[in-house]
Amino acid sequence: MAVIRTSLSLISFGFTIFKVVQNLSDAKLIKLNSSVPHFGIGLVLLGILMLATGIVYHGQFMWRLRAIRKGLIAEGLIRGETPFPPSFTLGTALILLGIGVAAILSMFFRIGPFG
């Protein structure tokens, strides 16, 4: 959950910086300095990378946890009547990853729902 929270902050803050500077530049209120949009893009990319790493770690953790549970069931130490529920956290992280990728694509190519 901490990875989701932090990556969401990075993605949204980076996208906001990028769009504000872009809109001010389009309105000719400021002269565009390339370092500010690049900073926004960097924050979004960092958020996406952090989220993707968190998804991999979460998947590995759940896989190990399920393997340990199967071993405990086989040894008769626990009952295996109730399965693990699907990971709501993983689903949320995957949706956020899709939104982050859509945001970065719109930043680079000015396409999609955020262009």
PDB file of N, CA and C in Angstrom:
ATOM      1  N   MET A   1       0.824  -1.192   0.000  1.00  0.00           N
ATOM      2  CA  MET A   1       0.000   0.000   0.000  1.00  0.00           C
ATOM      3  C   MET A   1       0.871   1.261   0.000  1.00  0.00           C
ATOM      4  N   ALA A   2       1.989   1.224   0.676  1.00  0.00           N
ATOM      5  CA  ALA A   2       2.868   2.400   0.698  1.00  0.00           C
ATOM      6  C   ALA A   2       3.442   2.672  -0.684  1.00  0.00           C
ATOM      7  N   VAL A   3       3.736   1.615  -1.437  1.00  0.00           N
ATOM      8  CA  VAL A   3       4.256   1.796  -2.792  1.00  0.00           C
ATOM      9  C   VAL A   3       3.193   2.438  -3.673  1.00  0.00           C
ATOM     10  N   ILE A   4       1.953   2.005  -3.534  1.00  0.00           N
ATOM     11  CA  ILE A   4       0.870   2.587  -4.324  1.00  0.00           C
ATOM     12  C   ILE A   4       0.702   4.060  -3.978  1.00  0.00           C
ATOM     13  N   ARG A   5       0.697   4.373  -2.715  1.00  0.00           N
ATOM     14  CA  ARG A   5       0.510   5.763  -2.277  1.00  0.00           C
ATOM     15  C   ARG A   5       1.631   6.660  -2.802  1.00  0.00           C
ATOM     16  N   THR A   6       2.858   6.205  -2.662  1.00  0.00           N
ATOM     17  CA  THR A   6       3.990   7.019  -3.080  1.00  0.00           C
ATOM     18  C   THR A   6       4.049   7.156  -4.599  1.00  0.00           C
ATOM     19  N   SER A   7       3.825   6.063  -5.316  1.00  0.00           N
ATOM     20  CA  SER A   7       3.878   6.143  -6.777  1.00  0.00           C
ATOM     21  C   SER A   7       2.726   6.984  -7.319  1.00  0.00           C
ATOM     22  N   LEU A   8       1.554   6.913  -6.702  1.00  0.00           N
ATOM     23  CA  LEU A   8       0.440   7.763  -7.114  1.00  0.00           C
ATOM     24  C   LEU A   8       0.792   9.234  -6.925  1.00  0.00           C
ATOM     25  N   SER A   9       1.446   9.550  -5.826  1.00  0.00           N
ATOM     26  CA  SER A   9       1.868  10.933  -5.586  1.00  0.00           C
ATOM     27  C   SER A   9       2.871  11.385  -6.629  1.00  0.00           C
ATOM     28  N   LEU A  10       3.845  10.553  -6.949  1.00  0.00           N
ATOM     29  CA  LEU A  10       4.850  10.906  -7.944  1.00  0.00           C
ATOM     30  C   LEU A  10       4.231  11.103  -9.322  1.00  0.00           C
ATOM     31  N   ILE A  11       3.368  10.169  -9.721  1.00  0.00           N
ATOM     32  CA  ILE A  11       2.744  10.252 -11.039  1.00  0.00           C
ATOM     33  C   ILE A  11       1.856  11.486 -11.142  1.00  0.00           C
ATOM     34  N   SER A  12       1.020  11.697 -10.158  1.00  0.00           N
ATOM     35  CA  SER A  12       0.085  12.828 -10.245  1.00  0.00           C
ATOM     36  C   SER A  12       0.808  14.171 -10.131  1.00  0.00           C
ATOM     37  N   PHE A  13       1.800  14.268  -9.276  1.00  0.00           N
ATOM     38  CA  PHE A  13       2.528  15.521  -9.129  1.00  0.00           C
ATOM     39  C   PHE A  13       3.351  15.822 -10.381  1.00  0.00           C
ATOM     40  N   GLY A  14       4.007  14.812 -10.932  1.00  0.00           N
ATOM     41  CA  GLY A  14       4.782  15.009 -12.159  1.00  0.00           C
ATOM     42  C   GLY A  14       3.912  15.400 -13.333  1.00  0.00           C
ATOM     43  N   PHE A  15       2.753  14.745 -13.455  1.00  0.00           N
ATOM     44  CA  PHE A  15       1.835  15.074 -14.547  1.00  0.00           C
ATOM     45  C   PHE A  15       1.295  16.492 -14.381  1.00  0.00           C
ATOM     46  N   THR A  16       0.988  16.878 -13.154  1.00  0.00           N
ATOM     47  CA  THR A  16       0.478  18.225 -12.898  1.00  0.00           C
ATOM     48  C   THR A  16       1.515  19.288 -13.248  1.00  0.00           C
ATOM     49  N   ILE A  17       2.746  19.082 -12.840  1.00  0.00           N
ATOM     50  CA  ILE A  17       3.818  20.023 -13.174  1.00  0.00           C
ATOM     51  C   ILE A  17       3.928  20.163 -14.692  1.00  0.00           C
ATOM     52  N   PHE A  18       3.944  19.041 -15.378  1.00  0.00           N
ATOM     53  CA  PHE A  18       4.085  19.044 -16.827  1.00  0.00           C
ATOM     54  C   PHE A  18       2.943  19.806 -17.496  1.00  0.00           C
ATOM     55  N   LYS A  19       1.701  19.501 -17.100  1.00  0.00           N
ATOM     56  CA  LYS A  19       0.540  20.125 -17.746  1.00  0.00           C
ATOM     57  C   LYS A  19       0.435  21.614 -17.428  1.00  0.00           C
ATOM     58  N   VAL A  20       0.739  22.026 -16.223  1.00  0.00           N
ATOM     59  CA  VAL A  20       0.669  23.444 -15.867  1.00  0.00           C
ATOM     60  C   VAL A  20       1.672  24.232 -16.702  1.00  0.00           C
ATOM     61  N   VAL A  21       2.897  23.748 -16.787  1.00  0.00           N
ATOM     62  CA  VAL A  21       3.923  24.435 -17.573  1.00  0.00           C
ATOM     63  C   VAL A  21       3.549  24.439 -19.053  1.00  0.00           C
ATOM     64  N   GLN A  22       3.024  23.320 -19.538  1.00  0.00           N
ATOM     65  CA  GLN A  22       2.618  23.233 -20.936  1.00  0.00           C
ATOM     66  C   GLN A  22       1.481  24.218 -21.245  1.00  0.00           C
ATOM     67  N   ASN A  23       0.481  24.286 -20.387  1.00  0.00           N
ATOM     68  CA  ASN A  23      -0.637  25.194 -20.612  1.00  0.00           C
ATOM     69  C   ASN A  23      -0.211  26.653 -20.518  1.00  0.00           C
ATOM     70  N   LEU A  24       0.660  26.980 -19.572  1.00  0.00           N
ATOM     71  CA  LEU A  24       1.160  28.348 -19.473  1.00  0.00           C
ATOM     72  C   LEU A  24       2.001  28.724 -20.692  1.00  0.00           C
ATOM     73  N   SER A  25       2.742  27.766 -21.199  1.00  0.00           N
ATOM     74  CA  SER A  25       3.545  28.008 -22.395  1.00  0.00           C
ATOM     75  C   SER A  25       2.656  28.171 -23.628  1.00  0.00           C
ATOM     76  N   ASP A  26       1.625  27.342 -23.750  1.00  0.00           N
ATOM     77  CA  ASP A  26       0.693  27.448 -24.880  1.00  0.00           C
ATOM     78  C   ASP A  26      -0.043  28.782 -24.864  1.00  0.00           C
ATOM     79  N   ALA A  27      -0.337  29.291 -23.676  1.00  0.00           N
ATOM     80  CA  ALA A  27      -1.015  30.582 -23.541  1.00  0.00           C
ATOM     81  C   ALA A  27      -0.038  31.751 -23.645  1.00  0.00           C
ATOM     82  N   LYS A  28       1.237  31.433 -23.878  1.00  0.00           N
ATOM     83  CA  LYS A  28       2.303  32.431 -24.003  1.00  0.00           C
ATOM     84  C   LYS A  28       2.441  33.324 -22.772  1.00  0.00           C
ATOM     85  N   LEU A  29       2.180  32.730 -21.609  1.00  0.00           N
ATOM     86  CA  LEU A  29       2.362  33.452 -20.352  1.00  0.00           C
ATOM     87  C   LEU A  29       3.776  33.291 -19.813  1.00  0.00           C
ATOM     88  N   ILE A  30       4.409  32.197 -20.204  1.00  0.00           N
ATOM     89  CA  ILE A  30       5.804  31.968 -19.823  1.00  0.00           C
ATOM     90  C   ILE A  30       6.558  31.441 -21.032  1.00  0.00           C
ATOM     91  N   LYS A  31       7.854  31.636 -21.000  1.00  0.00           N
ATOM     92  CA  LYS A  31       8.701  31.038 -22.031  1.00  0.00           C
ATOM     93  C   LYS A  31       9.105  29.660 -21.525  1.00  0.00           C
ATOM     94  N   LEU A  32       8.893  28.658 -22.354  1.00  0.00           N
ATOM     95  CA  LEU A  32       9.115  27.272 -21.933  1.00  0.00           C
ATOM     96  C   LEU A  32      10.598  26.996 -21.709  1.00  0.00           C
ATOM     97  N   ASN A  33      10.901  26.554 -20.499  1.00  0.00           N
ATOM     98  CA  ASN A  33      12.231  26.079 -20.146  1.00  0.00           C
ATOM     99  C   ASN A  33      12.155  24.560 -20.136  1.00  0.00           C
ATOM    100  N   SER A  34      13.014  23.894 -20.873  1.00  0.00           N
ATOM    101  CA  SER A  34      12.883  22.448 -21.040  1.00  0.00           C
ATOM    102  C   SER A  34      13.120  21.658 -19.762  1.00  0.00           C
ATOM    103  N   SER A  35      13.765  22.257 -18.779  1.00  0.00           N
ATOM    104  CA  SER A  35      14.063  21.493 -17.561  1.00  0.00           C
ATOM    105  C   SER A  35      12.819  21.221 -16.724  1.00  0.00           C
ATOM    106  N   VAL A  36      11.848  22.127 -16.719  1.00  0.00           N
ATOM    107  CA  VAL A  36      10.658  21.919 -15.891  1.00  0.00           C
ATOM    108  C   VAL A  36       9.789  20.784 -16.426  1.00  0.00           C
ATOM    109  N   PRO A  37       9.467  20.742 -17.735  1.00  0.00           N
ATOM    110  CA  PRO A  37       8.707  19.585 -18.225  1.00  0.00           C
ATOM    111  C   PRO A  37       9.467  18.273 -18.064  1.00  0.00           C
ATOM    112  N   HIS A  38      10.794  18.326 -18.232  1.00  0.00           N
ATOM    113  CA  HIS A  38      11.582  17.106 -18.044  1.00  0.00           C
ATOM    114  C   HIS A  38      11.533  16.626 -16.594  1.00  0.00           C
ATOM    115  N   PHE A  39      11.464  17.550 -15.665  1.00  0.00           N
ATOM    116  CA  PHE A  39      11.319  17.180 -14.254  1.00  0.00           C
ATOM    117  C   PHE A  39       9.983  16.476 -14.032  1.00  0.00           C
ATOM    118  N   GLY A  40       8.907  16.992 -14.631  1.00  0.00           N
ATOM    119  CA  GLY A  40       7.597  16.356 -14.519  1.00  0.00           C
ATOM    120  C   GLY A  40       7.600  14.958 -15.119  1.00  0.00           C
ATOM    121  N   ILE A  41       8.208  14.829 -16.295  1.00  0.00           N
ATOM    122  CA  ILE A  41       8.310  13.517 -16.944  1.00  0.00           C
ATOM    123  C   ILE A  41       9.123  12.564 -16.069  1.00  0.00           C
ATOM    124  N   GLY A  42      10.193  13.063 -15.483  1.00  0.00           N
ATOM    125  CA  GLY A  42      11.014  12.223 -14.602  1.00  0.00           C
ATOM    126  C   GLY A  42      10.248  11.714 -13.395  1.00  0.00           C
ATOM    127  N   LEU A  43       9.426  12.583 -12.807  1.00  0.00           N
ATOM    128  CA  LEU A  43       8.618  12.143 -11.663  1.00  0.00           C
ATOM    129  C   LEU A  43       7.625  11.055 -12.067  1.00  0.00           C
ATOM    130  N   VAL A  44       6.984  11.224 -13.224  1.00  0.00           N
ATOM    131  CA  VAL A  44       6.031  10.210 -13.687  1.00  0.00           C
ATOM    132  C   VAL A  44       6.753   8.900 -13.963  1.00  0.00           C
ATOM    133  N   LEU A  45       7.885   8.968 -14.633  1.00  0.00           N
ATOM    134  CA  LEU A  45       8.646   7.738 -14.908  1.00  0.00           C
ATOM    135  C   LEU A  45       9.112   7.062 -13.623  1.00  0.00           C
ATOM    136  N   LEU A  46       9.542   7.849 -12.650  1.00  0.00           N
ATOM    137  CA  LEU A  46       9.945   7.284 -11.366  1.00  0.00           C
ATOM    138  C   LEU A  46       8.760   6.602 -10.676  1.00  0.00           C
ATOM    139  N   GLY A  47       7.589   7.233 -10.722  1.00  0.00           N
ATOM    140  CA  GLY A  47       6.395   6.627 -10.131  1.00  0.00           C
ATOM    141  C   GLY A  47       6.013   5.324 -10.806  1.00  0.00           C
ATOM    142  N   ILE A  48       6.103   5.291 -12.146  1.00  0.00           N
ATOM    143  CA  ILE A  48       5.789   4.073 -12.892  1.00  0.00           C
ATOM    144  C   ILE A  48       6.783   2.970 -12.557  1.00  0.00           C
ATOM    145  N   LEU A  49       8.068   3.313 -12.528  1.00  0.00           N
ATOM    146  CA  LEU A  49       9.104   2.327 -12.199  1.00  0.00           C
ATOM    147  C   LEU A  49       8.922   1.789 -10.788  1.00  0.00           C
ATOM    148  N   MET A  50       8.645   2.681  -9.860  1.00  0.00           N
ATOM    149  CA  MET A  50       8.434   2.265  -8.469  1.00  0.00           C
ATOM    150  C   MET A  50       7.216   1.344  -8.355  1.00  0.00           C
ATOM    151  N   LEU A  51       6.153   1.680  -9.060  1.00  0.00           N
ATOM    152  CA  LEU A  51       4.940   0.871  -9.018  1.00  0.00           C
ATOM    153  C   LEU A  51       5.166  -0.498  -9.650  1.00  0.00           C
ATOM    154  N   ALA A  52       5.850  -0.536 -10.779  1.00  0.00           N
ATOM    155  CA  ALA A  52       6.134  -1.820 -11.430  1.00  0.00           C
ATOM    156  C   ALA A  52       6.989  -2.713 -10.528  1.00  0.00           C
ATOM    157  N   THR A  53       7.970  -2.131  -9.864  1.00  0.00           N
ATOM    158  CA  THR A  53       8.807  -2.901  -8.929  1.00  0.00           C
ATOM    159  C   THR A  53       7.969  -3.411  -7.766  1.00  0.00           C
ATOM    160  N   GLY A  54       7.081  -2.576  -7.250  1.00  0.00           N
ATOM    161  CA  GLY A  54       6.198  -2.999  -6.161  1.00  0.00           C
ATOM    162  C   GLY A  54       5.271  -4.132  -6.571  1.00  0.00           C
ATOM    163  N   ILE A  55       4.781  -4.094  -7.811  1.00  0.00           N
ATOM    164  CA  ILE A  55       3.914  -5.167  -8.312  1.00  0.00           C
ATOM    165  C   ILE A  55       4.679  -6.485  -8.373  1.00  0.00           C
ATOM    166  N   VAL A  56       5.915  -6.432  -8.845  1.00  0.00           N
ATOM    167  CA  VAL A  56       6.739  -7.648  -8.917  1.00  0.00           C
ATOM    168  C   VAL A  56       6.987  -8.198  -7.512  1.00  0.00           C
ATOM    169  N   TYR A  57       7.373  -7.343  -6.582  1.00  0.00           N
ATOM    170  CA  TYR A  57       7.609  -7.795  -5.208  1.00  0.00           C
ATOM    171  C   TYR A  57       6.339  -8.364  -4.577  1.00  0.00           C
ATOM    172  N   HIS A  58       5.208  -7.726  -4.820  1.00  0.00           N
ATOM    173  CA  HIS A  58       3.946  -8.221  -4.266  1.00  0.00           C
ATOM    174  C   HIS A  58       3.611  -9.598  -4.839  1.00  0.00           C
ATOM    175  N   GLY A  59       3.822  -9.755  -6.142  1.00  0.00           N
ATOM    176  CA  GLY A  59       3.570 -11.059  -6.775  1.00  0.00           C
ATOM    177  C   GLY A  59       4.460 -12.149  -6.209  1.00  0.00           C
ATOM    178  N   GLN A  60       5.734 -11.845  -6.015  1.00  0.00           N
ATOM    179  CA  GLN A  60       6.660 -12.821  -5.440  1.00  0.00           C
ATOM    180  C   GLN A  60       6.266 -13.175  -4.011  1.00  0.00           C
ATOM    181  N   PHE A  61       5.857 -12.178  -3.233  1.00  0.00           N
ATOM    182  CA  PHE A  61       5.455 -12.419  -1.856  1.00  0.00           C
ATOM    183  C   PHE A  61       4.220 -13.311  -1.807  1.00  0.00           C
ATOM    184  N   MET A  62       3.234 -13.012  -2.626  1.00  0.00           N
ATOM    185  CA  MET A  62       2.009 -13.819  -2.626  1.00  0.00           C
ATOM    186  C   MET A  62       2.284 -15.244  -3.104  1.00  0.00           C
ATOM    187  N   TRP A  63       3.173 -15.401  -4.091  1.00  0.00           N
ATOM    188  CA  TRP A  63       3.517 -16.729  -4.573  1.00  0.00           C
ATOM    189  C   TRP A  63       4.179 -17.546  -3.460  1.00  0.00           C
ATOM    190  N   ARG A  64       5.129 -16.929  -2.729  1.00  0.00           N
ATOM    191  CA  ARG A  64       5.796 -17.628  -1.618  1.00  0.00           C
ATOM    192  C   ARG A  64       4.802 -17.955  -0.500  1.00  0.00           C
ATOM    193  N   LEU A  65       3.918 -17.024  -0.218  1.00  0.00           N
ATOM    194  CA  LEU A  65       2.926 -17.237   0.835  1.00  0.00           C
ATOM    195  C   LEU A  65       1.998 -18.406   0.494  1.00  0.00           C
ATOM    196  N   ARG A  66       1.588 -18.475  -0.745  1.00  0.00           N
ATOM    197  CA  ARG A  66       0.728 -19.590  -1.173  1.00  0.00           C
ATOM    198  C   ARG A  66       1.480 -20.927  -1.136  1.00  0.00           C
ATOM    199  N   ALA A  67       2.769 -20.898  -1.487  1.00  0.00           N
ATOM    200  CA  ALA A  67       3.578 -22.122  -1.437  1.00  0.00           C
ATOM    201  C   ALA A  67       3.732 -22.617  -0.002  1.00  0.00           C
ATOM    202  N   ILE A  68       3.969 -21.701   0.927  1.00  0.00           N
ATOM    203  CA  ILE A  68       4.075 -22.069   2.342  1.00  0.00           C
ATOM    204  C   ILE A  68       2.748 -22.638   2.827  1.00  0.00           C
ATOM    205  N   ARG A  69       1.651 -22.031   2.425  1.00  0.00           N
ATOM    206  CA  ARG A  69       0.326 -22.496   2.843  1.00  0.00           C
ATOM    207  C   ARG A  69       0.052 -23.905   2.324  1.00  0.00           C
ATOM    208  N   LYS A  70       0.432 -24.177   1.062  1.00  0.00           N
ATOM    209  CA  LYS A  70       0.252 -25.526   0.511  1.00  0.00           C
ATOM    210  C   LYS A  70       1.038 -26.547   1.325  1.00  0.00           C
ATOM    211  N   GLY A  71       2.267 -26.185   1.725  1.00  0.00           N
ATOM    212  CA  GLY A  71       3.073 -27.081   2.546  1.00  0.00           C
ATOM    213  C   GLY A  71       2.437 -27.344   3.903  1.00  0.00           C
ATOM    214  N   LEU A  72       1.888 -26.316   4.517  1.00  0.00           N
ATOM    215  CA  LEU A  72       1.212 -26.487   5.812  1.00  0.00           C
ATOM    216  C   LEU A  72      -0.036 -27.351   5.690  1.00  0.00           C
ATOM    217  N   ILE A  73      -0.749 -27.200   4.584  1.00  0.00           N
ATOM    218  CA  ILE A  73      -1.930 -28.045   4.357  1.00  0.00           C
ATOM    219  C   ILE A  73      -1.507 -29.497   4.160  1.00  0.00           C
ATOM    220  N   ALA A  74      -0.435 -29.706   3.375  1.00  0.00           N
ATOM    221  CA  ALA A  74       0.051 -31.066   3.117  1.00  0.00           C
ATOM    222  C   ALA A  74       0.516 -31.751   4.401  1.00  0.00           C
ATOM    223  N   GLU A  75       1.078 -30.997   5.327  1.00  0.00           N
ATOM    224  CA  GLU A  75       1.541 -31.560   6.595  1.00  0.00           C
ATOM    225  C   GLU A  75       0.402 -31.705   7.598  1.00  0.00           C
ATOM    226  N   GLY A  76      -0.760 -31.231   7.255  1.00  0.00           N
ATOM    227  CA  GLY A  76      -1.902 -31.336   8.145  1.00  0.00           C
ATOM    228  C   GLY A  76      -1.889 -30.335   9.294  1.00  0.00           C
ATOM    229  N   LEU A  77      -1.081 -29.305   9.195  1.00  0.00           N
ATOM    230  CA  LEU A  77      -1.000 -28.317  10.266  1.00  0.00           C
ATOM    231  C   LEU A  77      -2.134 -27.293  10.204  1.00  0.00           C
ATOM    232  N   ILE A  78      -2.648 -27.051   9.004  1.00  0.00           N
ATOM    233  CA  ILE A  78      -3.812 -26.174   8.862  1.00  0.00           C
ATOM    234  C   ILE A  78      -4.788 -26.816   7.889  1.00  0.00           C
ATOM    235  N   ARG A  79      -6.023 -26.364   7.951  1.00  0.00           N
ATOM    236  CA  ARG A  79      -7.015 -26.816   6.982  1.00  0.00           C
ATOM    237  C   ARG A  79      -6.953 -25.901   5.773  1.00  0.00           C
ATOM    238  N   GLY A  80      -7.197 -26.466   4.632  1.00  0.00           N
ATOM    239  CA  GLY A  80      -7.129 -25.687   3.397  1.00  0.00           C
ATOM    240  C   GLY A  80      -8.485 -25.459   2.786  1.00  0.00           C
ATOM    241  N   GLU A  81      -9.477 -25.214   3.636  1.00  0.00           N
ATOM    242  CA  GLU A  81     -10.842 -25.099   3.126  1.00  0.00           C
ATOM    243  C   GLU A  81     -11.127 -23.742   2.482  1.00  0.00           C
ATOM    244  N   THR A  82     -10.503 -22.712   2.967  1.00  0.00           N
ATOM    245  CA  THR A  82     -10.762 -21.386   2.400  1.00  0.00           C
ATOM    246  C   THR A  82      -9.544 -20.940   1.591  1.00  0.00           C
ATOM    247  N   PRO A  83      -9.759 -20.625   0.326  1.00  0.00           N
ATOM    248  CA  PRO A  83      -8.628 -20.177  -0.499  1.00  0.00           C
ATOM    249  C   PRO A  83      -8.269 -18.724  -0.196  1.00  0.00           C
ATOM    250  N   PHE A  84      -7.075 -18.348  -0.603  1.00  0.00           N
ATOM    251  CA  PHE A  84      -6.702 -16.939  -0.499  1.00  0.00           C
ATOM    252  C   PHE A  84      -7.595 -16.147  -1.439  1.00  0.00           C
ATOM    253  N   PRO A  85      -8.082 -15.024  -0.992  1.00  0.00           N
ATOM    254  CA  PRO A  85      -8.865 -14.191  -1.916  1.00  0.00           C
ATOM    255  C   PRO A  85      -7.943 -13.518  -2.929  1.00  0.00           C
ATOM    256  N   PRO A  86      -8.500 -13.088  -4.045  1.00  0.00           N
ATOM    257  CA  PRO A  86      -7.649 -12.342  -4.982  1.00  0.00           C
ATOM    258  C   PRO A  86      -7.134 -11.065  -4.319  1.00  0.00           C
ATOM    259  N   SER A  87      -5.992 -10.606  -4.748  1.00  0.00           N
ATOM    260  CA  SER A  87      -5.358  -9.441  -4.143  1.00  0.00           C
ATOM    261  C   SER A  87      -5.970  -8.150  -4.689  1.00  0.00           C
ATOM    262  N   PHE A  88      -6.720  -7.464  -3.849  1.00  0.00           N
ATOM    263  CA  PHE A  88      -7.309  -6.181  -4.219  1.00  0.00           C
ATOM    264  C   PHE A  88      -6.210  -5.148  -4.437  1.00  0.00           C
ATOM    265  N   THR A  89      -5.159  -5.243  -3.648  1.00  0.00           N
ATOM    266  CA  THR A  89      -4.026  -4.322  -3.776  1.00  0.00           C
ATOM    267  C   THR A  89      -3.353  -4.475  -5.133  1.00  0.00           C
ATOM    268  N   LEU A  90      -3.190  -5.710  -5.583  1.00  0.00           N
ATOM    269  CA  LEU A  90      -2.576  -5.948  -6.888  1.00  0.00           C
ATOM    270  C   LEU A  90      -3.449  -5.386  -8.000  1.00  0.00           C
ATOM    271  N   GLY A  91      -4.740  -5.579  -7.908  1.00  0.00           N
ATOM    272  CA  GLY A  91      -5.654  -5.031  -8.911  1.00  0.00           C
ATOM    273  C   GLY A  91      -5.584  -3.514  -8.977  1.00  0.00           C
ATOM    274  N   THR A  92      -5.556  -2.886  -7.818  1.00  0.00           N
ATOM    275  CA  THR A  92      -5.447  -1.425  -7.757  1.00  0.00           C
ATOM    276  C   THR A  92      -4.126  -0.954  -8.356  1.00  0.00           C
ATOM    277  N   ALA A  93      -3.051  -1.646  -8.043  1.00  0.00           N
ATOM    278  CA  ALA A  93      -1.735  -1.267  -8.561  1.00  0.00           C
ATOM    279  C   ALA A  93      -1.676  -1.412 -10.078  1.00  0.00           C
ATOM    280  N   LEU A  94      -2.288  -2.456 -10.620  1.00  0.00           N
ATOM    281  CA  LEU A  94      -2.288  -2.650 -12.072  1.00  0.00           C
ATOM    282  C   LEU A  94      -3.092  -1.560 -12.780  1.00  0.00           C
ATOM    283  N   ILE A  95      -4.225  -1.174 -12.203  1.00  0.00           N
ATOM    284  CA  ILE A  95      -5.014  -0.083 -12.778  1.00  0.00           C
ATOM    285  C   ILE A  95      -4.223   1.225 -12.748  1.00  0.00           C
ATOM    286  N   LEU A  96      -3.580   1.503 -11.625  1.00  0.00           N
ATOM    287  CA  LEU A  96      -2.772   2.712 -11.513  1.00  0.00           C
ATOM    288  C   LEU A  96      -1.596   2.687 -12.491  1.00  0.00           C
ATOM    289  N   LEU A  97      -1.003   1.521 -12.698  1.00  0.00           N
ATOM    290  CA  LEU A  97       0.087   1.393 -13.663  1.00  0.00           C
ATOM    291  C   LEU A  97      -0.410   1.733 -15.069  1.00  0.00           C
ATOM    292  N   GLY A  98      -1.595   1.261 -15.414  1.00  0.00           N
ATOM    293  CA  GLY A  98      -2.175   1.592 -16.720  1.00  0.00           C
ATOM    294  C   GLY A  98      -2.407   3.085 -16.869  1.00  0.00           C
ATOM    295  N   ILE A  99      -2.908   3.717 -15.820  1.00  0.00           N
ATOM    296  CA  ILE A  99      -3.126   5.169 -15.855  1.00  0.00           C
ATOM    297  C   ILE A  99      -1.787   5.905 -15.985  1.00  0.00           C
ATOM    298  N   GLY A 100      -0.774   5.444 -15.284  1.00  0.00           N
ATOM    299  CA  GLY A 100       0.548   6.064 -15.371  1.00  0.00           C
ATOM    300  C   GLY A 100       1.150   5.950 -16.763  1.00  0.00           C
ATOM    301  N   VAL A 101       0.988   4.778 -17.377  1.00  0.00           N
ATOM    302  CA  VAL A 101       1.503   4.590 -18.737  1.00  0.00           C
ATOM    303  C   VAL A 101       0.731   5.477 -19.712  1.00  0.00           C
ATOM    304  N   ALA A 102      -0.588   5.572 -19.548  1.00  0.00           N
ATOM    305  CA  ALA A 102      -1.385   6.463 -20.406  1.00  0.00           C
ATOM    306  C   ALA A 102      -0.943   7.913 -20.230  1.00  0.00           C
ATOM    307  N   ALA A 103      -0.634   8.308 -18.999  1.00  0.00           N
ATOM    308  CA  ALA A 103      -0.190   9.678 -18.742  1.00  0.00           C
ATOM    309  C   ALA A 103       1.145   9.960 -19.409  1.00  0.00           C
ATOM    310  N   ILE A 104       2.080   9.039 -19.307  1.00  0.00           N
ATOM    311  CA  ILE A 104       3.399   9.285 -19.893  1.00  0.00           C
ATOM    312  C   ILE A 104       3.319   9.285 -21.412  1.00  0.00           C
ATOM    313  N   LEU A 105       2.463   8.440 -21.985  1.00  0.00           N
ATOM    314  CA  LEU A 105       2.288   8.453 -23.439  1.00  0.00           C
ATOM    315  C   LEU A 105       1.690   9.774 -23.906  1.00  0.00           C
ATOM    316  N   SER A 106       0.738  10.283 -23.149  1.00  0.00           N
ATOM    317  CA  SER A 106       0.140  11.566 -23.535  1.00  0.00           C
ATOM    318  C   SER A 106       1.130  12.714 -23.360  1.00  0.00           C
ATOM    319  N   MET A 107       2.041  12.598 -22.418  1.00  0.00           N
ATOM    320  CA  MET A 107       3.056  13.624 -22.221  1.00  0.00           C
ATOM    321  C   MET A 107       4.043  13.644 -23.386  1.00  0.00           C
ATOM    322  N   PHE A 108       4.422  12.467 -23.878  1.00  0.00           N
ATOM    323  CA  PHE A 108       5.382  12.402 -24.960  1.00  0.00           C
ATOM    324  C   PHE A 108       4.756  12.691 -26.327  1.00  0.00           C
ATOM    325  N   PHE A 109       3.561  12.153 -26.574  1.00  0.00           N
ATOM    326  CA  PHE A 109       2.977  12.218 -27.904  1.00  0.00           C
ATOM    327  C   PHE A 109       1.738  13.104 -28.014  1.00  0.00           C
ATOM    328  N   ARG A 110       1.300  13.678 -26.913  1.00  0.00           N
ATOM    329  CA  ARG A 110       0.078  14.511 -26.878  1.00  0.00           C
ATOM    330  C   ARG A 110      -1.117  13.761 -27.468  1.00  0.00           C
ATOM    331  N   ILE A 111      -1.271  12.511 -27.034  1.00  0.00           N
ATOM    332  CA  ILE A 111      -2.398  11.684 -27.471  1.00  0.00           C
ATOM    333  C   ILE A 111      -3.105  11.126 -26.248  1.00  0.00           C
ATOM    334  N   GLY A 112      -4.215  10.473 -26.479  1.00  0.00           N
ATOM    335  CA  GLY A 112      -4.915   9.773 -25.414  1.00  0.00           C
ATOM    336  C   GLY A 112      -5.784  10.674 -24.579  1.00  0.00           C
ATOM    337  N   PRO A 113      -6.270  10.134 -23.490  1.00  0.00           N
ATOM    338  CA  PRO A 113      -7.238  10.878 -22.667  1.00  0.00           C
ATOM    339  C   PRO A 113      -6.638  12.069 -21.929  1.00  0.00           C
ATOM    340  N   PHE A 114      -5.315  12.120 -21.794  1.00  0.00           N
ATOM    341  CA  PHE A 114      -4.691  13.185 -21.046  1.00  0.00           C
ATOM    342  C   PHE A 114      -3.991  14.201 -21.944  1.00  0.00           C
ATOM    343  N   GLY A 115      -4.095  14.049 -23.258  1.00  0.00           N
ATOM    344  CA  GLY A 115      -3.399  14.906 -24.207  1.00  0.00           C
ATOM    345  C   GLY A 115      -4.044  16.223 -24.304  1.00  0.00           C
TER     346      GLY A 115
END
